Amino acid sequence: MNKIALLAFASAMFAACVMPMSSREIQEANQRHYARMCGDPNFAYETGNNDGLKRRPLDTSWVDMQCHPQSQQPTREAYQSGYSIGMQNAPIVVEGRGFGGGGRYSSAQTCRFSSDCGDDGYSCRADSSGTNVCMGYGYAGDPCWFGSDCVSGSCNGGAKACQ
């Protein structure tokens, strides 16, 4: 009987590892993550640091929606502080394709369609010279149309360049 129980337990654990999470489970996991950040400034700092290291766009709009009013300011400050340190320590990614192929797409890469820019959220749009380039997650001076095209979240619309 113990062998049957052990086999049932093992198969249940295997199914839990293989089966994708439902949207409800994902939403619950996100809620737990936000609640932990709102209640623990160190966790907010660490999450911000990780997001900065991954060069994700800075976005703290979740603080206003997820945290109690008294914890919003310390949570936002901790997250932004961690993010800033993470960005400073983020590895520099050299664009291009060597013998090994691969590599990240950059806003300097020319394109015809957004699908030419990969699956990382880049879009193909005309820069200030009219050349179609991949835009997204750009740094100061990279081409942009919208703030979301820039890591800083700020696009100078006249110059069409990230600030």
Protein backbone atom coordinates (compact mmCIF):
# COMPACT_ATOMS: atom_id res chain seq x y z
CA MET A 1 0.00 0.00 0.00
CA ASN A 2 2.88 2.37 0.74
CA LYS A 3 4.20 1.87 -2.78
CA ILE A 4 0.85 2.95 -4.23
CA ALA A 5 0.71 6.04 -2.02
CA LEU A 6 4.30 6.93 -2.91
CA LEU A 7 3.60 6.46 -6.61
CA ALA A 8 0.47 8.65 -6.38
CA PHE A 9 2.41 11.34 -4.52
CA ALA A 10 5.25 11.25 -7.06
CA SER A 11 2.86 11.50 -10.01
CA ALA A 12 1.02 14.41 -8.37
CA MET A 13 4.32 16.24 -7.80
CA PHE A 14 5.36 15.58 -11.41
CA ALA A 15 2.03 16.93 -12.69
CA ALA A 16 2.41 20.04 -10.52
CA CYS A 17 5.85 20.70 -12.02
CA VAL A 18 4.81 20.06 -15.62
CA MET A 19 1.32 21.57 -15.72
CA PRO A 20 1.25 25.30 -16.42
CA MET A 21 -0.29 27.62 -13.87
CA SER A 22 -3.82 28.79 -14.50
CA SER A 23 -4.50 32.51 -14.87
CA ARG A 24 -6.07 32.48 -11.40
CA GLU A 25 -2.93 30.93 -9.92
CA ILE A 26 -0.74 33.46 -11.73
CA GLN A 27 -2.90 36.31 -10.43
CA GLU A 28 -2.72 34.93 -6.88
CA ALA A 29 1.06 34.58 -7.13
CA ASN A 30 1.35 38.17 -8.36
CA GLN A 31 -0.85 39.38 -5.48
CA ARG A 32 1.37 37.56 -2.96
CA HIS A 33 4.47 39.07 -4.58
CA TYR A 34 3.05 42.62 -4.43
CA ALA A 35 1.83 42.13 -0.86
CA ARG A 36 5.31 41.02 0.18
CA MET A 37 6.92 44.03 -1.51
CA CYS A 38 4.44 46.39 0.15
CA GLY A 39 5.13 44.88 3.58
CA ASP A 40 8.89 44.38 3.27
CA PRO A 41 11.02 47.26 1.93
CA ASN A 42 14.04 44.94 1.65
CA PHE A 43 12.08 42.64 -0.67
CA ALA A 44 10.95 45.67 -2.71
CA TYR A 45 14.60 46.78 -2.93
CA GLU A 46 15.71 43.31 -4.06
CA THR A 47 12.93 43.10 -6.65
CA GLY A 48 13.85 46.55 -7.97
CA ASN A 49 17.51 45.54 -8.10
CA ASN A 50 16.65 42.40 -10.09
CA ASP A 51 14.47 44.39 -12.50
CA GLY A 52 17.29 46.91 -12.97
CA LEU A 53 19.81 44.13 -13.61
CA LYS A 54 17.49 42.78 -16.31
CA ARG A 55 17.21 46.32 -17.74
CA ARG A 56 13.42 46.27 -17.53
CA PRO A 57 11.66 49.65 -17.87
CA LEU A 58 11.18 51.41 -14.53
CA ASP A 59 7.50 51.26 -13.55
CA THR A 60 6.18 51.86 -10.05
CA SER A 61 2.50 52.28 -10.93
CA TRP A 62 1.82 48.99 -9.12
CA VAL A 63 2.63 50.71 -5.78
CA ASP A 64 -0.45 52.94 -6.00
CA MET A 65 -2.70 50.00 -6.86
CA GLN A 66 -1.29 47.35 -4.53
CA CYS A 67 0.05 49.04 -1.38
CA HIS A 68 -1.76 50.70 1.52
CA PRO A 69 -1.35 54.50 1.51
CA GLN A 70 1.00 54.45 4.53
CA SER A 71 3.38 51.96 2.87
CA GLN A 72 3.36 53.46 -0.65
CA GLN A 73 6.21 55.96 -0.22
CA PRO A 74 8.69 53.64 1.56
CA THR A 75 7.91 50.82 -0.89
CA ARG A 76 8.36 53.07 -3.94
CA GLU A 77 11.64 54.49 -2.57
CA ALA A 78 13.03 51.04 -1.76
CA TYR A 79 12.08 49.65 -5.18
CA GLN A 80 13.53 52.66 -7.04
CA SER A 81 16.72 52.59 -4.98
CA GLY A 82 17.23 48.90 -5.78
CA TYR A 83 16.37 49.53 -9.42
CA SER A 84 18.95 52.31 -9.68
CA ILE A 85 21.70 50.11 -8.22
CA GLY A 86 20.66 47.24 -10.47
CA MET A 87 20.85 49.41 -13.59
CA GLN A 88 24.32 50.61 -12.59
CA ASN A 89 25.50 47.03 -12.22
CA ALA A 90 23.64 45.55 -15.19
CA PRO A 91 25.89 43.83 -17.69
CA ILE A 92 26.54 45.68 -20.88
CA VAL A 93 25.11 43.81 -23.83
CA VAL A 94 27.11 44.13 -27.02
CA GLU A 95 24.80 43.92 -29.98
CA GLY A 96 25.59 42.00 -33.11
CA ARG A 97 25.97 38.52 -34.41
CA GLY A 98 29.30 36.74 -34.27
CA PHE A 99 30.12 33.19 -35.21
CA GLY A 100 27.78 31.88 -32.53
CA GLY A 101 24.75 33.77 -33.85
CA GLY A 102 22.05 34.97 -31.50
CA GLY A 103 22.27 38.16 -29.51
CA ARG A 104 19.70 40.68 -28.40
CA TYR A 105 17.98 43.01 -30.78
CA SER A 106 18.77 46.65 -30.35
CA SER A 107 17.12 49.87 -31.29
CA ALA A 108 19.94 50.34 -33.81
CA GLN A 109 18.97 47.25 -35.78
CA THR A 110 17.14 47.92 -39.03
CA CYS A 111 13.92 46.04 -39.67
CA ARG A 112 10.92 45.73 -41.95
CA PHE A 113 8.42 44.25 -39.50
CA SER A 114 8.15 44.07 -35.71
CA SER A 115 8.64 40.31 -35.99
CA ASP A 116 12.18 41.10 -37.23
CA CYS A 117 12.88 42.51 -33.75
CA GLY A 118 12.31 39.29 -31.82
CA ASP A 119 9.88 38.41 -29.06
CA ASP A 120 11.21 40.74 -26.35
CA GLY A 121 8.70 43.56 -26.85
CA TYR A 122 10.59 45.55 -29.48
CA SER A 123 8.65 47.27 -32.29
CA CYS A 124 9.73 48.23 -35.80
CA ARG A 125 9.16 51.94 -36.44
CA ALA A 126 10.76 54.76 -38.40
CA ASP A 127 13.42 56.77 -36.57
CA SER A 128 14.02 60.50 -37.07
CA SER A 129 15.82 59.84 -40.38
CA GLY A 130 12.97 57.68 -41.70
CA THR A 131 14.88 54.41 -41.36
CA ASN A 132 12.89 51.56 -39.81
CA VAL A 133 14.64 50.36 -36.64
CA CYS A 134 13.75 48.15 -33.67
CA MET A 135 12.62 50.32 -30.78
CA GLY A 136 12.26 49.31 -27.19
CA TYR A 137 14.28 49.40 -23.97
CA GLY A 138 16.49 52.11 -25.47
CA TYR A 139 19.09 54.14 -23.62
CA ALA A 140 19.90 57.85 -23.86
CA GLY A 141 20.14 58.81 -27.52
CA ASP A 142 18.47 55.66 -28.87
CA PRO A 143 15.52 56.25 -31.23
CA CYS A 144 12.02 56.27 -29.75
CA TRP A 145 8.44 57.37 -30.34
CA PHE A 146 7.02 56.74 -26.88
CA GLY A 147 8.34 56.76 -23.32
CA SER A 148 7.81 53.00 -23.22
CA ASP A 149 10.52 52.68 -25.90
CA CYS A 150 13.10 53.87 -23.35
CA VAL A 151 14.51 52.27 -20.21
CA SER A 152 14.19 55.69 -18.54
CA GLY A 153 10.54 55.93 -19.60
CA SER A 154 11.24 59.33 -21.20
CA CYS A 155 11.28 60.02 -24.95
CA ASN A 156 12.06 63.46 -26.35
CA GLY A 157 9.34 63.61 -29.01
CA GLY A 158 10.98 66.40 -31.02
CA ALA A 159 14.33 64.66 -31.33
CA LYS A 160 12.72 61.17 -31.22
CA ALA A 161 15.48 60.05 -28.85
CA CYS A 162 15.49 58.50 -25.38
CA GLN A 163 16.55 60.81 -22.60
